Each structure stands twice: as C-alpha cells, then as structure tokens.
Amino acid sequence: MIKLFCFTSILLMTCFLSAQDKHDKTEYKSISLNYKDEVRKTIISKAKEFPDNTQLSIAITKNGKTEYYGIIKQNDSIKFIENQNKIFEIGSITKVLTATLLTSLVEEGQINLTDNINRYYPFPFKNNTKLTFQSLANHSSGLPRLPSNLVFLDPDNPYRHYNKSYLDKYLKDLIEIKSDSKNNYTYSNLGFAILGYTLGLSQNIDFEQLLQERVLDKYGMKQSYTRICHISNNLVAGLNANGDITPNWQFNIFFGAGGVLSTTEDLSKFAKAQFNSQHSELALTQKPTFTVNETLKLGLGWHILKTQNGKELLTHNGGTGGYSSSMLVNVADQTAVIILSNVSAFHPKTGNIEQISLQIMSIL
C-alpha cells in the first residue's frame, strides 16, 4: 500500500536519541564550540545520497536566534545557498497546524475536545460510530490510515479526486473501527482529513480559509499557502523517487492532513511561537493527551519524544510524492530544527532528512 506523508520513524528516532545521549559530555562540549562546522558536515554527509537538483532548506533556532542553511546538489556537487524563502510542500507537518486551529477554537470556547464531531453532519455514521475532536487529533480514534474507498486514480496526485461525496459515503456506509484499534495509537491521515474538514463545517467556512486566517496569518507566516495557484514564484519543484520533476499534490478533502506549502523562515516563526507560554492554544497542543509508551506520548498534532536524559522533543515529519520534511522543537531549551526538501517520500534515502534533523538537534 502507498505510504503517504506518514509519521514512520518513531523507533528510529528514539534509538538514535538514546545513542546520542550516551556520548561523552566532553565530546559535546567540543562540538558546541564549533557547531556550525558540525552542522555543515552533517548536512553534506547525508545529502550526497540524494539525486541531482535536490534542495534542502534548514532552519536552526538556538538562544532566540535562527540561522539558515540551504543546499542544492548539482552535477554531484553540493553547494550552500540561501533558500529560506523558497516554498516546499510540508506534508504531514500540516497536521500540527490543523491541531493548532482546533485548539484556538477550544480556547475560545467554541469547541470542546471531547465533543463528538457527529453533530456537524446531517446523517448518522455507520454503526452509530462516534468520533471526538481529541481522538482525531491524537490518533486514538481507531480510524485506519486511509479510507477504504480511496482509489488511486492518479498515482502522481493520489488525493485529487477524493471529495466531499467520497467522505460522506465513507462515514455513512463504510466506516469501520476495529475493537483493538479504538483508544490505541493508530496513525491516521484519514483522521486529520476528517478533523480539518469538520473544523470548517463547525465555523461555516472553507477549511483552508479558516486555517489561513486563524493560524498562518496569526503567526506571521506570510509565505505559507493553502493553494498552489496563489504562489507566483519561489516554489521549489518536487522530485520523484528517480529524481525527475513530479506534479504537486492536490489534497482536496485531505488538506488538513498534509496540504500546506511553506518555507523554513515561516516555520521557524511558528516554532519560536511555541516558546511563548502566552500562546495558550499552542501550549494546549503540546500537552500530552495519550501515552503510547515511556518514550512516546501524543499531544494534539505533535508527537512527544522523551530522550534518555529526560529531554522532551515535539516532533513531526512529512512526505509527499516530491517532498520530505522534518520539524523538532525543544520547548524547555528553546531550540528547534526544521528541514524542508524536495526529496520524495518514496526515495530510498528519504530517512536521511530525519537523521539530519536529529543529529543537528543533538549537536545543539
């Protein structure tokens, strides 16, 4: 089955972080004195395995300041460039923005996390299934990753045809939640698709417009987009697994699960806003709502990883047909690492994107 903008490397993350924590503290001290060189070495060592015309845009926030590292690979050579204003698909990092929209409405008293979403639909769900906002936002609803009536009519644009009619059909006649998946962690793109769409219904407004007004505009994300037609320039072309240019995805009903396009400069603004406790809607997304095990909890949108030395990282990654992304935020230390790239989620070395972000975070 096709894997789409999925959070797939939690085990890799926890193992990597545990190994990093075991390093000698004197080694960390020497690294921190020259961390910029270490960051560059890390980027180059991993990026050389990507195809020509690959771009990585990296934002690193430390001590209240953000530094940017951009690279492009051309003729098997890697060059450092400025591309923090270049636009990429961010894939599933969109889920964190969707969850932030949810919590903004919760903080205003318009929605309760424990409310059933069913009230916003003019028909009963199959088997009288009930879904709450919280269960959709922390992947505990029991919904599968993708709906059973999603047919990949266009492999290069898999969600383009999945519209309201398909979703209504699924909820009315096809939804089926297995007893062993209910109230357990089951990562679901479908759950966030339903969450985003329902938030739009709750406010009688198009979800994309609601996200623009209540999240992107609020945090000054002026180069983040909900519709590709609004982008006049600065869009980095996505590459497929073979390194050829591939079409951008149109998400339709699935927009809340992966549809935003953005820059590292914009996402660094959003990351730094996480450090401000006055943003109660962001604090709510960071609060654990579901425990998977001793090293992994779920906030709303965020996965919360606990390292061996007790540090907590808010994290999410993303991947589409032409792009991969990663975002790590340490609220306590006020550090963040964001990577956007035009490396396909289906490229065999796409995991290098997450490894770069983890290694840079360990250097910080």
Protein backbone atom coordinates (compact mmCIF):
# COMPACT_ATOMS: atom_id res chain seq x y z
CA MET A 1 0.00 0.00 0.00
CA ILE A 2 1.20 3.51 -0.78
CA LYS A 3 2.63 5.30 2.24
CA LEU A 4 1.70 8.97 2.19
CA PHE A 5 3.01 11.84 4.34
CA CYS A 6 3.34 9.42 7.24
CA PHE A 7 4.99 9.54 10.61
CA THR A 8 7.01 6.35 10.17
CA SER A 9 10.29 6.58 12.09
CA ILE A 10 9.48 6.89 15.78
CA LEU A 11 11.55 3.83 16.64
CA LEU A 12 14.46 5.18 14.60
CA MET A 13 14.16 8.48 16.45
CA THR A 14 14.11 7.01 19.95
CA CYS A 15 17.01 4.66 19.24
CA PHE A 16 19.07 7.45 17.69
CA LEU A 17 18.42 9.87 20.54
CA SER A 18 19.29 7.26 23.15
CA ALA A 19 22.56 6.57 21.41
CA GLN A 20 23.38 10.26 21.18
CA ASP A 21 22.67 10.78 24.87
CA LYS A 22 25.35 8.21 25.73
CA HIS A 23 28.11 10.30 24.15
CA ASP A 24 30.76 11.62 26.47
CA LYS A 25 29.91 15.09 27.76
CA THR A 26 33.41 16.38 26.92
CA GLU A 27 32.79 15.48 23.29
CA TYR A 28 29.58 17.50 23.34
CA LYS A 29 31.49 20.45 24.76
CA SER A 30 33.97 20.42 21.90
CA ILE A 31 31.17 20.10 19.36
CA SER A 32 29.22 23.02 20.81
CA LEU A 33 32.24 25.28 20.41
CA ASN A 34 32.19 24.76 16.66
CA TYR A 35 28.69 23.54 15.99
CA LYS A 36 28.33 25.36 12.67
CA ASP A 37 31.07 23.23 11.12
CA GLU A 38 29.49 20.11 12.58
CA VAL A 39 26.11 21.10 11.14
CA ARG A 40 27.61 21.56 7.69
CA LYS A 41 29.40 18.21 7.86
CA THR A 42 26.19 16.50 8.90
CA ILE A 43 24.23 18.04 6.04
CA ILE A 44 26.81 17.16 3.41
CA SER A 45 27.32 13.58 4.61
CA LYS A 46 23.60 12.78 4.30
CA ALA A 47 22.68 14.96 1.31
CA LYS A 48 25.23 13.42 -1.03
CA GLU A 49 22.96 10.38 -1.35
CA PHE A 50 20.15 12.42 -2.89
CA PRO A 51 19.62 12.97 -6.64
CA ASP A 52 20.77 16.00 -8.62
CA ASN A 53 18.63 19.14 -8.24
CA THR A 54 17.83 18.24 -4.63
CA GLN A 55 17.40 21.23 -2.35
CA LEU A 56 17.40 21.22 1.44
CA SER A 57 16.31 24.30 3.38
CA ILE A 58 17.22 24.13 7.07
CA ALA A 59 16.35 26.47 9.95
CA ILE A 60 18.10 26.14 13.31
CA THR A 61 16.83 28.13 16.29
CA LYS A 62 19.07 28.50 19.32
CA ASN A 63 19.29 31.18 22.02
CA GLY A 64 16.48 33.17 20.44
CA LYS A 65 18.18 33.40 17.05
CA THR A 66 17.54 31.47 13.86
CA GLU A 67 20.23 30.53 11.37
CA TYR A 68 19.57 29.11 7.93
CA TYR A 69 21.47 26.54 5.91
CA GLY A 70 20.46 25.82 2.33
CA ILE A 71 22.00 23.40 -0.12
CA ILE A 72 21.49 22.36 -3.70
CA LYS A 73 23.03 19.33 -5.35
CA GLN A 74 24.09 19.87 -8.95
CA ASN A 75 26.36 17.66 -11.07
CA ASP A 76 27.01 15.51 -7.99
CA SER A 77 28.34 18.57 -6.17
CA ILE A 78 26.75 20.15 -3.12
CA LYS A 79 26.64 23.93 -2.84
CA PHE A 80 25.41 26.05 0.06
CA ILE A 81 22.77 28.59 -0.98
CA GLU A 82 20.18 30.89 0.58
CA ASN A 83 16.77 29.28 0.21
CA GLN A 84 14.94 30.01 3.48
CA ASN A 85 12.31 31.86 1.42
CA LYS A 86 11.83 29.01 -1.05
CA ILE A 87 8.50 27.19 -0.87
CA PHE A 88 8.09 23.43 -0.39
CA GLU A 89 5.21 21.07 0.33
CA ILE A 90 5.44 20.33 4.06
CA GLY A 91 3.27 17.18 4.05
CA SER A 92 2.18 15.97 7.47
CA ILE A 93 3.67 18.90 9.38
CA THR A 94 0.34 20.38 8.26
CA LYS A 95 -1.25 18.23 10.97
CA VAL A 96 0.34 20.40 13.67
CA LEU A 97 -1.18 23.49 12.06
CA THR A 98 -4.58 21.80 11.85
CA ALA A 99 -4.35 20.85 15.53
CA THR A 100 -3.45 24.47 16.35
CA LEU A 101 -6.59 25.62 14.58
CA LEU A 102 -8.55 23.16 16.70
CA THR A 103 -7.06 24.39 19.97
CA SER A 104 -7.63 28.03 19.02
CA LEU A 105 -11.34 27.25 18.79
CA VAL A 106 -11.18 25.29 22.05
CA GLU A 107 -9.53 28.19 23.86
CA GLU A 108 -12.32 30.48 22.67
CA GLY A 109 -14.94 28.07 23.98
CA GLN A 110 -16.40 27.30 20.57
CA ILE A 111 -15.46 23.60 20.71
CA ASN A 112 -14.66 21.10 23.44
CA LEU A 113 -12.02 18.47 22.78
CA THR A 114 -14.38 15.76 23.99
CA ASP A 115 -17.23 16.88 21.72
CA ASN A 116 -18.38 14.38 19.11
CA ILE A 117 -17.95 15.65 15.57
CA ASN A 118 -21.15 13.86 14.51
CA ARG A 119 -23.32 16.89 15.27
CA TYR A 120 -21.85 18.72 12.27
CA TYR A 121 -23.03 16.11 9.77
CA PRO A 122 -26.64 15.78 8.52
CA PHE A 123 -26.55 11.97 8.62
CA PRO A 124 -25.64 9.25 11.16
CA PHE A 125 -22.30 7.49 10.83
CA LYS A 126 -22.34 3.76 10.13
CA ASN A 127 -22.95 1.66 13.27
CA ASN A 128 -23.59 4.89 15.16
CA THR A 129 -19.82 5.42 15.33
CA LYS A 130 -18.80 8.40 17.50
CA LEU A 131 -15.63 10.40 16.89
CA THR A 132 -14.32 13.16 19.14
CA PHE A 133 -12.11 16.07 18.15
CA GLN A 134 -9.41 14.90 20.55
CA SER A 135 -9.34 11.32 19.26
CA LEU A 136 -8.83 12.62 15.72
CA ALA A 137 -6.06 15.00 16.80
CA ASN A 138 -4.06 12.41 18.78
CA HIS A 139 -4.57 9.37 16.52
CA SER A 140 -6.60 7.41 19.09
CA SER A 141 -9.87 7.31 17.11
CA GLY A 142 -9.18 3.85 15.72
CA LEU A 143 -9.63 5.08 12.15
CA PRO A 144 -7.36 3.45 9.57
CA ARG A 145 -4.55 5.31 7.88
CA LEU A 146 -6.60 5.76 4.71
CA PRO A 147 -10.30 5.24 3.84
CA SER A 148 -11.37 2.03 2.14
CA ASN A 149 -12.96 3.93 -0.76
CA LEU A 150 -9.82 5.86 -1.70
CA VAL A 151 -8.88 4.69 -5.19
CA PHE A 152 -5.56 5.90 -6.59
CA LEU A 153 -6.81 7.06 -9.98
CA ASP A 154 -3.69 9.19 -10.44
CA PRO A 155 -0.56 7.84 -8.69
CA ASP A 156 1.15 11.22 -9.16
CA ASN A 157 -1.75 13.03 -7.47
CA PRO A 158 -3.43 10.44 -5.21
CA TYR A 159 -5.90 12.67 -3.30
CA ARG A 160 -7.07 14.86 -6.11
CA HIS A 161 -10.34 13.01 -6.68
CA TYR A 162 -11.30 12.31 -3.06
CA ASN A 163 -14.00 14.91 -2.47
CA LYS A 164 -16.91 15.50 -0.10
CA SER A 165 -19.07 12.85 -1.76
CA TYR A 166 -16.46 10.15 -1.14
CA LEU A 167 -16.05 11.20 2.51
CA ASP A 168 -19.80 11.30 3.13
CA LYS A 169 -20.12 7.83 1.58
CA TYR A 170 -17.35 6.54 3.82
CA LEU A 171 -18.85 7.96 7.02
CA LYS A 172 -22.40 6.83 6.20
CA ASP A 173 -21.78 3.38 4.80
CA LEU A 174 -18.17 2.22 5.15
CA ILE A 175 -16.60 3.40 8.38
CA GLU A 176 -15.42 0.50 10.47
CA ILE A 177 -13.32 0.71 13.63
CA LYS A 178 -11.82 -2.49 14.96
CA SER A 179 -12.20 -3.01 18.68
CA ASP A 180 -8.45 -3.49 19.17
CA SER A 181 -7.63 -0.17 17.47
CA LYS A 182 -10.12 2.00 19.39
CA ASN A 183 -8.35 4.05 22.08
CA ASN A 184 -4.97 2.87 20.81
CA TYR A 185 -2.38 4.79 18.83
CA THR A 186 -3.11 4.30 15.13
CA TYR A 187 -1.58 6.97 12.91
CA SER A 188 -4.35 8.15 10.61
CA ASN A 189 -4.17 10.55 7.70
CA LEU A 190 -7.90 9.96 7.35
CA GLY A 191 -8.46 11.16 10.92
CA PHE A 192 -6.81 14.50 10.23
CA ALA A 193 -8.61 14.84 6.92
CA ILE A 194 -11.90 14.47 8.80
CA LEU A 195 -10.71 16.81 11.57
CA GLY A 196 -9.83 19.61 9.18
CA TYR A 197 -13.00 19.24 7.15
CA THR A 198 -15.14 19.19 10.31
CA LEU A 199 -13.49 22.33 11.70
CA GLY A 200 -14.55 24.10 8.52
CA LEU A 201 -18.10 22.82 8.96
CA SER A 202 -18.15 23.99 12.58
CA GLN A 203 -17.46 27.57 11.51
CA ASN A 204 -19.42 27.50 8.23
CA ILE A 205 -16.31 28.44 6.30
CA ASP A 206 -13.89 26.74 3.94
CA PHE A 207 -11.22 24.96 5.99
CA GLU A 208 -8.31 26.37 4.00
CA GLN A 209 -9.56 29.92 4.55
CA LEU A 210 -10.07 29.22 8.26
CA LEU A 211 -6.51 27.89 8.57
CA GLN A 212 -5.17 30.92 6.74
CA GLU A 213 -6.94 33.39 8.99
CA ARG A 214 -6.53 31.71 12.37
CA VAL A 215 -3.07 30.15 12.07
CA LEU A 216 -0.94 31.28 9.14
CA ASP A 217 -1.86 34.97 9.47
CA LYS A 218 -1.70 34.93 13.26
CA TYR A 219 1.91 33.76 13.38
CA GLY A 220 3.08 35.99 10.53
CA MET A 221 3.53 33.11 8.09
CA LYS A 222 3.23 35.28 5.00
CA GLN A 223 4.93 32.83 2.66
CA SER A 224 2.76 29.85 3.61
CA TYR A 225 -0.01 28.80 1.29
CA THR A 226 -3.15 26.70 1.21
CA ARG A 227 -3.48 26.87 -2.57
CA ILE A 228 -0.63 26.43 -5.02
CA CYS A 229 -2.32 28.75 -7.51
CA HIS A 230 -1.56 31.64 -5.13
CA ILE A 231 2.19 31.07 -5.40
CA SER A 232 3.69 33.38 -8.01
CA ASN A 233 7.32 32.27 -7.64
CA ASN A 234 9.83 30.72 -5.23
CA LEU A 235 8.26 27.25 -5.44
CA VAL A 236 10.90 24.52 -5.49
CA ALA A 237 9.92 21.76 -7.90
CA GLY A 238 9.31 18.39 -6.26
CA LEU A 239 11.32 15.37 -7.39
CA ASN A 240 10.05 11.80 -7.59
CA ALA A 241 11.99 8.77 -6.38
CA ASN A 242 14.02 8.78 -9.60
CA GLY A 243 14.94 12.45 -9.28
CA ASP A 244 12.60 13.67 -12.03
CA ILE A 245 10.23 16.62 -11.56
CA THR A 246 6.83 15.47 -10.34
CA PRO A 247 3.48 17.29 -10.02
CA ASN A 248 2.43 18.95 -6.79
CA TRP A 249 -0.31 17.16 -4.91
CA GLN A 250 -3.86 18.47 -4.67
CA PHE A 251 -5.29 17.35 -1.35
CA ASN A 252 -8.99 18.11 -1.65
CA ILE A 253 -10.72 16.74 1.50
CA PHE A 254 -7.34 15.54 2.80
CA PHE A 255 -5.97 19.07 3.06
CA GLY A 256 -5.90 19.13 6.88
CA ALA A 257 -3.62 16.08 6.83
CA GLY A 258 -0.91 17.38 4.52
CA GLY A 259 -1.77 20.25 2.19
CA VAL A 260 0.19 23.32 3.34
CA LEU A 261 3.15 24.73 1.41
CA SER A 262 5.65 26.82 3.36
CA THR A 263 9.23 27.98 3.92
CA THR A 264 11.71 27.34 6.70
CA GLU A 265 11.58 31.02 7.54
CA ASP A 266 7.83 30.82 8.15
CA LEU A 267 8.00 27.55 10.05
CA SER A 268 10.76 28.96 12.27
CA LYS A 269 8.32 31.72 13.28
CA PHE A 270 5.81 29.05 14.20
CA ALA A 271 8.48 27.10 16.11
CA LYS A 272 9.55 30.16 18.11
CA ALA A 273 5.91 30.89 18.96
CA GLN A 274 5.90 27.50 20.74
CA PHE A 275 8.26 29.01 23.34
CA ASN A 276 5.78 31.74 24.30
CA SER A 277 3.55 30.50 27.10
CA GLN A 278 1.08 33.29 26.38
CA HIS A 279 0.01 31.37 23.28
CA SER A 280 -2.39 29.15 25.21
CA GLU A 281 -3.59 27.44 22.04
CA LEU A 282 -0.02 26.26 21.33
CA ALA A 283 0.51 25.16 24.92
CA LEU A 284 -2.61 23.02 24.58
CA THR A 285 -1.22 21.23 21.50
CA GLN A 286 1.93 20.42 23.50
CA LYS A 287 0.07 18.89 26.43
CA PRO A 288 0.17 15.05 26.43
CA THR A 289 -3.26 13.54 25.78
CA PHE A 290 -2.29 9.95 25.05
CA THR A 291 0.60 7.73 26.19
CA VAL A 292 1.97 5.13 23.80
CA ASN A 293 4.93 4.04 25.95
CA GLU A 294 7.53 5.54 28.26
CA THR A 295 9.32 7.31 25.42
CA LEU A 296 6.39 8.40 23.25
CA LYS A 297 3.29 10.44 24.04
CA LEU A 298 0.85 12.27 21.83
CA GLY A 299 -0.15 15.87 22.19
CA LEU A 300 -2.55 17.31 19.65
CA GLY A 301 -0.81 17.07 16.30
CA TRP A 302 2.60 16.74 17.96
CA HIS A 303 4.41 13.52 18.81
CA ILE A 304 6.28 14.00 22.10
CA LEU A 305 9.52 12.04 22.34
CA LYS A 306 11.42 11.63 25.60
CA THR A 307 15.17 11.19 25.31
CA GLN A 308 17.22 9.09 27.70
CA ASN A 309 18.36 12.17 29.61
CA GLY A 310 14.77 13.30 30.13
CA LYS A 311 14.52 15.92 27.38
CA GLU A 312 11.20 16.20 25.58
CA LEU A 313 11.02 16.89 21.86
CA LEU A 314 7.93 17.94 19.97
CA THR A 315 8.23 16.39 16.55
CA HIS A 316 6.53 15.74 13.26
CA ASN A 317 7.73 14.85 9.80
CA GLY A 318 6.11 14.84 6.40
CA GLY A 319 6.43 13.29 3.00
CA THR A 320 4.65 13.59 -0.35
CA GLY A 321 5.45 12.39 -3.84
CA GLY A 322 8.01 15.15 -4.34
CA TYR A 323 8.96 16.38 -0.87
CA SER A 324 10.10 15.36 2.62
CA SER A 325 10.22 17.43 5.79
CA SER A 326 11.08 17.25 9.48
CA MET A 327 10.43 19.51 12.49
CA LEU A 328 11.86 19.12 16.00
CA VAL A 329 11.14 21.55 18.84
CA ASN A 330 12.60 21.52 22.35
CA VAL A 331 10.42 23.98 24.28
CA ALA A 332 12.41 23.79 27.52
CA ASP A 333 15.72 24.64 25.83
CA GLN A 334 14.08 26.87 23.21
CA THR A 335 15.77 25.14 20.32
CA ALA A 336 14.28 23.95 17.04
CA VAL A 337 15.39 22.26 13.83
CA ILE A 338 13.29 22.43 10.67
CA ILE A 339 14.13 20.82 7.34
CA LEU A 340 12.19 21.17 4.11
CA SER A 341 13.33 19.37 0.97
CA ASN A 342 12.28 18.25 -2.47
CA VAL A 343 13.34 14.68 -1.73
CA SER A 344 10.48 12.31 -2.50
CA ALA A 345 8.94 10.37 0.39
CA PHE A 346 9.47 7.33 -1.85
CA HIS A 347 13.21 7.88 -2.34
CA PRO A 348 15.17 5.06 -0.65
CA LYS A 349 17.21 7.58 1.37
CA THR A 350 14.36 9.82 2.48
CA GLY A 351 15.10 8.79 6.08
CA ASN A 352 18.27 10.88 5.85
CA ILE A 353 16.14 14.01 6.23
CA GLU A 354 15.04 12.98 9.70
CA GLN A 355 18.52 11.78 10.59
CA ILE A 356 19.96 15.19 9.72
CA SER A 357 17.43 16.95 11.95
CA LEU A 358 18.13 14.56 14.84
CA GLN A 359 21.89 14.90 14.52
CA ILE A 360 21.67 18.69 14.42
CA MET A 361 19.43 18.70 17.49
CA SER A 362 21.92 16.52 19.34
CA ILE A 363 24.71 18.95 18.38
CA LEU A 364 22.67 21.85 19.77
